């Protein structure tokens, strides 16, 4: 159980870098991977269809669905 806690704490600490860009550019950059799309959605605190398209089918899908109450679209 200890090893799992260590791995989970390391995973939670991983954050993609953030640049000071406008919202549209930030969205385009976040759409490149499910990890960055998920991070942007969490930082913005709301569901976005373009981010969801990238996250759907990834390991982040379950957490995203729970957080933003997303049903199949």
PDB file of N, CA and C in Angstrom:
ATOM      1  N   UNK A   1       0.829  -1.198   0.000  1.00  0.00           N
ATOM      2  CA  UNK A   1       0.000   0.000   0.000  1.00  0.00           C
ATOM      3  C   UNK A   1       0.870   1.258   0.000  1.00  0.00           C
ATOM      4  N   UNK A   2       1.990   1.235   0.625  1.00  0.00           N
ATOM      5  CA  UNK A   2       2.872   2.404   0.698  1.00  0.00           C
ATOM      6  C   UNK A   2       3.367   2.806  -0.688  1.00  0.00           C
ATOM      7  N   UNK A   3       3.748   1.829  -1.508  1.00  0.00           N
ATOM      8  CA  UNK A   3       4.242   2.132  -2.852  1.00  0.00           C
ATOM      9  C   UNK A   3       3.163   2.833  -3.672  1.00  0.00           C
ATOM     10  N   UNK A   4       1.945   2.374  -3.545  1.00  0.00           N
ATOM     11  CA  UNK A   4       0.841   3.002  -4.275  1.00  0.00           C
ATOM     12  C   UNK A   4       0.662   4.469  -3.854  1.00  0.00           C
ATOM     13  N   UNK A   5       0.766   4.746  -2.570  1.00  0.00           N
ATOM     14  CA  UNK A   5       0.631   6.120  -2.074  1.00  0.00           C
ATOM     15  C   UNK A   5       1.735   7.013  -2.626  1.00  0.00           C
ATOM     16  N   UNK A   6       2.945   6.485  -2.704  1.00  0.00           N
ATOM     17  CA  UNK A   6       4.068   7.256  -3.240  1.00  0.00           C
ATOM     18  C   UNK A   6       3.837   7.573  -4.709  1.00  0.00           C
ATOM     19  N   UNK A   7       3.425   6.572  -5.468  1.00  0.00           N
ATOM     20  CA  UNK A   7       3.176   6.775  -6.902  1.00  0.00           C
ATOM     21  C   UNK A   7       2.051   7.780  -7.108  1.00  0.00           C
ATOM     22  N   UNK A   8       0.977   7.664  -6.354  1.00  0.00           N
ATOM     23  CA  UNK A   8      -0.137   8.592  -6.497  1.00  0.00           C
ATOM     24  C   UNK A   8       0.261  10.015  -6.126  1.00  0.00           C
ATOM     25  N   UNK A   9       1.096  10.176  -5.120  1.00  0.00           N
ATOM     26  CA  UNK A   9       1.522  11.528  -4.739  1.00  0.00           C
ATOM     27  C   UNK A   9       2.411  12.134  -5.823  1.00  0.00           C
ATOM     28  N   UNK A  10       3.268  11.332  -6.431  1.00  0.00           N
ATOM     29  CA  UNK A  10       4.102  11.830  -7.530  1.00  0.00           C
ATOM     30  C   UNK A  10       3.223  12.226  -8.699  1.00  0.00           C
ATOM     31  N   UNK A  11       2.224  11.412  -9.033  1.00  0.00           N
ATOM     32  CA  UNK A  11       1.339  11.707 -10.167  1.00  0.00           C
ATOM     33  C   UNK A  11       0.577  13.004  -9.929  1.00  0.00           C
ATOM     34  N   UNK A  12       0.100  13.220  -8.708  1.00  0.00           N
ATOM     35  CA  UNK A  12      -0.649  14.442  -8.405  1.00  0.00           C
ATOM     36  C   UNK A  12       0.239  15.677  -8.521  1.00  0.00           C
ATOM     37  N   UNK A  13       1.527  15.519  -8.251  1.00  0.00           N
ATOM     38  CA  UNK A  13       2.442  16.653  -8.301  1.00  0.00           C
ATOM     39  C   UNK A  13       2.814  17.048  -9.723  1.00  0.00           C
ATOM     40  N   UNK A  14       2.641  16.154 -10.698  1.00  0.00           N
ATOM     41  CA  UNK A  14       3.004  16.458 -12.076  1.00  0.00           C
ATOM     42  C   UNK A  14       1.998  17.445 -12.652  1.00  0.00           C
ATOM     43  N   UNK A  15       2.476  18.551 -13.128  1.00  0.00           N
ATOM     44  CA  UNK A  15       1.632  19.577 -13.728  1.00  0.00           C
ATOM     45  C   UNK A  15       2.317  20.080 -14.994  1.00  0.00           C
ATOM     46  N   UNK A  16       1.565  20.253 -16.064  1.00  0.00           N
ATOM     47  CA  UNK A  16       2.186  20.807 -17.260  1.00  0.00           C
ATOM     48  C   UNK A  16       2.510  22.286 -17.055  1.00  0.00           C
ATOM     49  N   UNK A  17       3.513  22.801 -17.737  1.00  0.00           N
ATOM     50  CA  UNK A  17       3.849  24.226 -17.589  1.00  0.00           C
ATOM     51  C   UNK A  17       2.755  25.099 -18.195  1.00  0.00           C
ATOM     52  N   UNK A  18       2.595  26.277 -17.648  1.00  0.00           N
ATOM     53  CA  UNK A  18       1.581  27.203 -18.141  1.00  0.00           C
ATOM     54  C   UNK A  18       2.263  28.440 -18.692  1.00  0.00           C
ATOM     55  N   UNK A  19       1.845  28.833 -19.882  1.00  0.00           N
ATOM     56  CA  UNK A  19       2.396  30.034 -20.498  1.00  0.00           C
ATOM     57  C   UNK A  19       1.364  31.143 -20.419  1.00  0.00           C
ATOM     58  N   UNK A  20       1.816  32.359 -20.473  1.00  0.00           N
ATOM     59  CA  UNK A  20       0.926  33.507 -20.425  1.00  0.00           C
ATOM     60  C   UNK A  20       0.460  33.822 -21.847  1.00  0.00           C
ATOM     61  N   UNK A  21      -0.613  33.138 -22.282  1.00  0.00           N
ATOM     62  CA  UNK A  21      -1.167  33.320 -23.630  1.00  0.00           C
ATOM     63  C   UNK A  21      -2.667  33.558 -23.519  1.00  0.00           C
ATOM     64  N   UNK A  22      -3.268  33.969 -24.624  1.00  0.00           N
ATOM     65  CA  UNK A  22      -4.714  34.205 -24.596  1.00  0.00           C
ATOM     66  C   UNK A  22      -5.470  32.878 -24.506  1.00  0.00           C
ATOM     67  N   UNK A  23      -6.751  32.955 -24.180  1.00  0.00           N
ATOM     68  CA  UNK A  23      -7.563  31.771 -23.910  1.00  0.00           C
ATOM     69  C   UNK A  23      -7.667  30.838 -25.121  1.00  0.00           C
ATOM     70  N   UNK A  24      -7.803  31.388 -26.324  1.00  0.00           N
ATOM     71  CA  UNK A  24      -7.923  30.546 -27.522  1.00  0.00           C
ATOM     72  C   UNK A  24      -6.638  29.772 -27.790  1.00  0.00           C
ATOM     73  N   UNK A  25      -5.507  30.430 -27.653  1.00  0.00           N
ATOM     74  CA  UNK A  25      -4.221  29.765 -27.864  1.00  0.00           C
ATOM     75  C   UNK A  25      -4.002  28.697 -26.801  1.00  0.00           C
ATOM     76  N   UNK A  26      -4.377  29.012 -25.578  1.00  0.00           N
ATOM     77  CA  UNK A  26      -4.233  28.046 -24.487  1.00  0.00           C
ATOM     78  C   UNK A  26      -5.085  26.803 -24.764  1.00  0.00           C
ATOM     79  N   UNK A  27      -6.287  27.003 -25.282  1.00  0.00           N
ATOM     80  CA  UNK A  27      -7.167  25.890 -25.622  1.00  0.00           C
ATOM     81  C   UNK A  27      -6.557  25.036 -26.730  1.00  0.00           C
ATOM     82  N   UNK A  28      -6.027  25.670 -27.759  1.00  0.00           N
ATOM     83  CA  UNK A  28      -5.386  24.931 -28.848  1.00  0.00           C
ATOM     84  C   UNK A  28      -4.206  24.112 -28.344  1.00  0.00           C
ATOM     85  N   UNK A  29      -3.413  24.695 -27.474  1.00  0.00           N
ATOM     86  CA  UNK A  29      -2.258  23.987 -26.928  1.00  0.00           C
ATOM     87  C   UNK A  29      -2.701  22.818 -26.053  1.00  0.00           C
ATOM     88  N   UNK A  30      -3.755  23.007 -25.282  1.00  0.00           N
ATOM     89  CA  UNK A  30      -4.238  21.966 -24.373  1.00  0.00           C
ATOM     90  C   UNK A  30      -4.829  20.782 -25.137  1.00  0.00           C
ATOM     91  N   UNK A  31      -5.325  21.024 -26.325  1.00  0.00           N
ATOM     92  CA  UNK A  31      -5.939  19.954 -27.119  1.00  0.00           C
ATOM     93  C   UNK A  31      -4.920  18.958 -27.671  1.00  0.00           C
ATOM     94  N   UNK A  32      -3.660  19.204 -27.492  1.00  0.00           N
ATOM     95  CA  UNK A  32      -2.628  18.330 -28.053  1.00  0.00           C
ATOM     96  C   UNK A  32      -2.498  17.002 -27.299  1.00  0.00           C
ATOM     97  N   UNK A  33      -2.856  16.979 -26.015  1.00  0.00           N
ATOM     98  CA  UNK A  33      -2.804  15.715 -25.267  1.00  0.00           C
ATOM     99  C   UNK A  33      -3.929  15.690 -24.232  1.00  0.00           C
ATOM    100  N   UNK A  34      -4.310  14.487 -23.843  1.00  0.00           N
ATOM    101  CA  UNK A  34      -5.374  14.334 -22.850  1.00  0.00           C
ATOM    102  C   UNK A  34      -4.944  14.893 -21.498  1.00  0.00           C
ATOM    103  N   UNK A  35      -3.670  14.774 -21.180  1.00  0.00           N
ATOM    104  CA  UNK A  35      -3.150  15.274 -19.904  1.00  0.00           C
ATOM    105  C   UNK A  35      -3.317  16.789 -19.798  1.00  0.00           C
ATOM    106  N   UNK A  36      -2.908  17.516 -20.832  1.00  0.00           N
ATOM    107  CA  UNK A  36      -3.016  18.974 -20.781  1.00  0.00           C
ATOM    108  C   UNK A  36      -4.467  19.427 -20.915  1.00  0.00           C
ATOM    109  N   UNK A  37      -5.274  18.685 -21.672  1.00  0.00           N
ATOM    110  CA  UNK A  37      -6.694  19.022 -21.782  1.00  0.00           C
ATOM    111  C   UNK A  37      -7.381  18.875 -20.428  1.00  0.00           C
ATOM    112  N   UNK A  38      -7.064  17.807 -19.730  1.00  0.00           N
ATOM    113  CA  UNK A  38      -7.647  17.577 -18.406  1.00  0.00           C
ATOM    114  C   UNK A  38      -7.203  18.658 -17.423  1.00  0.00           C
ATOM    115  N   UNK A  39      -5.934  18.998 -17.459  1.00  0.00           N
ATOM    116  CA  UNK A  39      -5.420  20.035 -16.568  1.00  0.00           C
ATOM    117  C   UNK A  39      -6.108  21.378 -16.822  1.00  0.00           C
ATOM    118  N   UNK A  40      -6.280  21.748 -18.078  1.00  0.00           N
ATOM    119  CA  UNK A  40      -6.932  23.020 -18.395  1.00  0.00           C
ATOM    120  C   UNK A  40      -8.387  23.019 -17.929  1.00  0.00           C
ATOM    121  N   UNK A  41      -9.088  21.931 -18.150  1.00  0.00           N
ATOM    122  CA  UNK A  41     -10.486  21.847 -17.697  1.00  0.00           C
ATOM    123  C   UNK A  41     -10.574  22.013 -16.182  1.00  0.00           C
ATOM    124  N   UNK A  42      -9.660  21.378 -15.460  1.00  0.00           N
ATOM    125  CA  UNK A  42      -9.668  21.509 -13.998  1.00  0.00           C
ATOM    126  C   UNK A  42      -9.342  22.932 -13.572  1.00  0.00           C
ATOM    127  N   UNK A  43      -8.384  23.568 -14.250  1.00  0.00           N
ATOM    128  CA  UNK A  43      -8.033  24.943 -13.886  1.00  0.00           C
ATOM    129  C   UNK A  43      -9.182  25.895 -14.191  1.00  0.00           C
ATOM    130  N   UNK A  44      -9.881  25.679 -15.301  1.00  0.00           N
ATOM    131  CA  UNK A  44     -11.006  26.552 -15.658  1.00  0.00           C
ATOM    132  C   UNK A  44     -12.245  26.223 -14.839  1.00  0.00           C
ATOM    133  N   UNK A  45     -12.353  24.980 -14.394  1.00  0.00           N
ATOM    134  CA  UNK A  45     -13.473  24.579 -13.554  1.00  0.00           C
ATOM    135  C   UNK A  45     -14.779  24.371 -14.293  1.00  0.00           C
ATOM    136  N   UNK A  46     -14.667  24.105 -15.601  1.00  0.00           N
ATOM    137  CA  UNK A  46     -15.906  23.859 -16.353  1.00  0.00           C
ATOM    138  C   UNK A  46     -15.637  22.927 -17.535  1.00  0.00           C
ATOM    139  N   UNK A  47     -16.719  22.307 -17.992  1.00  0.00           N
ATOM    140  CA  UNK A  47     -16.679  21.393 -19.125  1.00  0.00           C
ATOM    141  C   UNK A  47     -16.534  22.189 -20.417  1.00  0.00           C
ATOM    142  N   UNK A  48     -15.739  21.659 -21.342  1.00  0.00           N
ATOM    143  CA  UNK A  48     -15.609  22.260 -22.671  1.00  0.00           C
ATOM    144  C   UNK A  48     -15.609  21.119 -23.683  1.00  0.00           C
ATOM    145  N   UNK A  49     -16.483  21.183 -24.700  1.00  0.00           N
ATOM    146  CA  UNK A  49     -16.593  20.083 -25.664  1.00  0.00           C
ATOM    147  C   UNK A  49     -15.287  19.738 -26.381  1.00  0.00           C
ATOM    148  N   UNK A  50     -14.473  20.718 -26.705  1.00  0.00           N
ATOM    149  CA  UNK A  50     -13.215  20.429 -27.406  1.00  0.00           C
ATOM    150  C   UNK A  50     -12.227  19.707 -26.494  1.00  0.00           C
ATOM    151  N   UNK A  51     -12.206  20.070 -25.230  1.00  0.00           N
ATOM    152  CA  UNK A  51     -11.342  19.376 -24.286  1.00  0.00           C
ATOM    153  C   UNK A  51     -11.863  17.961 -24.039  1.00  0.00           C
ATOM    154  N   UNK A  52     -13.176  17.833 -23.926  1.00  0.00           N
ATOM    155  CA  UNK A  52     -13.794  16.531 -23.702  1.00  0.00           C
ATOM    156  C   UNK A  52     -13.486  15.576 -24.854  1.00  0.00           C
ATOM    157  N   UNK A  53     -13.461  16.083 -26.075  1.00  0.00           N
ATOM    158  CA  UNK A  53     -13.154  15.235 -27.233  1.00  0.00           C
ATOM    159  C   UNK A  53     -11.763  14.615 -27.104  1.00  0.00           C
ATOM    160  N   UNK A  54     -10.840  15.341 -26.545  1.00  0.00           N
ATOM    161  CA  UNK A  54      -9.480  14.823 -26.369  1.00  0.00           C
ATOM    162  C   UNK A  54      -9.390  13.891 -25.163  1.00  0.00           C
ATOM    163  N   UNK A  55     -10.125  14.173 -24.115  1.00  0.00           N
ATOM    164  CA  UNK A  55     -10.061  13.394 -22.876  1.00  0.00           C
ATOM    165  C   UNK A  55     -10.816  12.071 -22.999  1.00  0.00           C
ATOM    166  N   UNK A  56     -11.878  12.052 -23.784  1.00  0.00           N
ATOM    167  CA  UNK A  56     -12.707  10.859 -23.920  1.00  0.00           C
ATOM    168  C   UNK A  56     -11.865   9.685 -24.404  1.00  0.00           C
ATOM    169  N   UNK A  57     -11.937   8.589 -23.685  1.00  0.00           N
ATOM    170  CA  UNK A  57     -11.168   7.396 -24.016  1.00  0.00           C
ATOM    171  C   UNK A  57      -9.795   7.346 -23.364  1.00  0.00           C
ATOM    172  N   UNK A  58      -9.426   8.383 -22.626  1.00  0.00           N
ATOM    173  CA  UNK A  58      -8.119   8.419 -21.957  1.00  0.00           C
ATOM    174  C   UNK A  58      -8.279   7.979 -20.502  1.00  0.00           C
ATOM    175  N   UNK A  59      -7.173   7.815 -19.794  1.00  0.00           N
ATOM    176  CA  UNK A  59      -7.262   7.468 -18.370  1.00  0.00           C
ATOM    177  C   UNK A  59      -7.922   8.554 -17.518  1.00  0.00           C
ATOM    178  N   UNK A  60      -8.055   9.765 -18.047  1.00  0.00           N
ATOM    179  CA  UNK A  60      -8.642  10.877 -17.301  1.00  0.00           C
ATOM    180  C   UNK A  60     -10.160  10.966 -17.461  1.00  0.00           C
ATOM    181  N   UNK A  61     -10.727  10.117 -18.307  1.00  0.00           N
ATOM    182  CA  UNK A  61     -12.154  10.204 -18.607  1.00  0.00           C
ATOM    183  C   UNK A  61     -13.038  10.041 -17.371  1.00  0.00           C
ATOM    184  N   UNK A  62     -12.762   9.056 -16.549  1.00  0.00           N
ATOM    185  CA  UNK A  62     -13.599   8.796 -15.373  1.00  0.00           C
ATOM    186  C   UNK A  62     -13.619   9.983 -14.424  1.00  0.00           C
ATOM    187  N   UNK A  63     -12.452  10.532 -14.146  1.00  0.00           N
ATOM    188  CA  UNK A  63     -12.389  11.688 -13.240  1.00  0.00           C
ATOM    189  C   UNK A  63     -13.096  12.899 -13.842  1.00  0.00           C
ATOM    190  N   UNK A  64     -12.915  13.114 -15.135  1.00  0.00           N
ATOM    191  CA  UNK A  64     -13.556  14.241 -15.821  1.00  0.00           C
ATOM    192  C   UNK A  64     -15.077  14.101 -15.772  1.00  0.00           C
ATOM    193  N   UNK A  65     -15.574  12.887 -16.068  1.00  0.00           N
ATOM    194  CA  UNK A  65     -17.024  12.650 -16.017  1.00  0.00           C
ATOM    195  C   UNK A  65     -17.574  12.942 -14.620  1.00  0.00           C
ATOM    196  N   UNK A  66     -16.861  12.460 -13.598  1.00  0.00           N
ATOM    197  CA  UNK A  66     -17.302  12.679 -12.225  1.00  0.00           C
ATOM    198  C   UNK A  66     -17.294  14.161 -11.868  1.00  0.00           C
ATOM    199  N   UNK A  67     -16.230  14.830 -12.226  1.00  0.00           N
ATOM    200  CA  UNK A  67     -16.062  16.253 -11.843  1.00  0.00           C
ATOM    201  C   UNK A  67     -17.088  17.155 -12.525  1.00  0.00           C
ATOM    202  N   UNK A  68     -17.322  16.918 -13.832  1.00  0.00           N
ATOM    203  CA  UNK A  68     -18.178  17.827 -14.602  1.00  0.00           C
ATOM    204  C   UNK A  68     -19.532  17.216 -14.962  1.00  0.00           C
ATOM    205  N   UNK A  69     -19.836  16.048 -14.404  1.00  0.00           N
ATOM    206  CA  UNK A  69     -21.118  15.390 -14.622  1.00  0.00           C
ATOM    207  C   UNK A  69     -21.450  15.277 -16.109  1.00  0.00           C
ATOM    208  N   UNK A  70     -20.518  14.742 -16.871  1.00  0.00           N
ATOM    209  CA  UNK A  70     -20.671  14.617 -18.321  1.00  0.00           C
ATOM    210  C   UNK A  70     -21.338  13.302 -18.650  1.00  0.00           C
ATOM    211  N   UNK A  71     -22.364  13.373 -19.465  1.00  0.00           N
ATOM    212  CA  UNK A  71     -23.038  12.177 -19.975  1.00  0.00           C
ATOM    213  C   UNK A  71     -22.521  11.926 -21.381  1.00  0.00           C
ATOM    214  N   UNK A  72     -22.786  10.743 -21.921  1.00  0.00           N
ATOM    215  CA  UNK A  72     -22.368  10.472 -23.307  1.00  0.00           C
ATOM    216  C   UNK A  72     -23.025  11.449 -24.241  1.00  0.00           C
ATOM    217  N   UNK A  73     -22.212  11.995 -25.120  1.00  0.00           N
ATOM    218  CA  UNK A  73     -22.707  13.010 -26.060  1.00  0.00           C
ATOM    219  C   UNK A  73     -22.746  12.443 -27.456  1.00  0.00           C
TER     220      UNK A  73
END
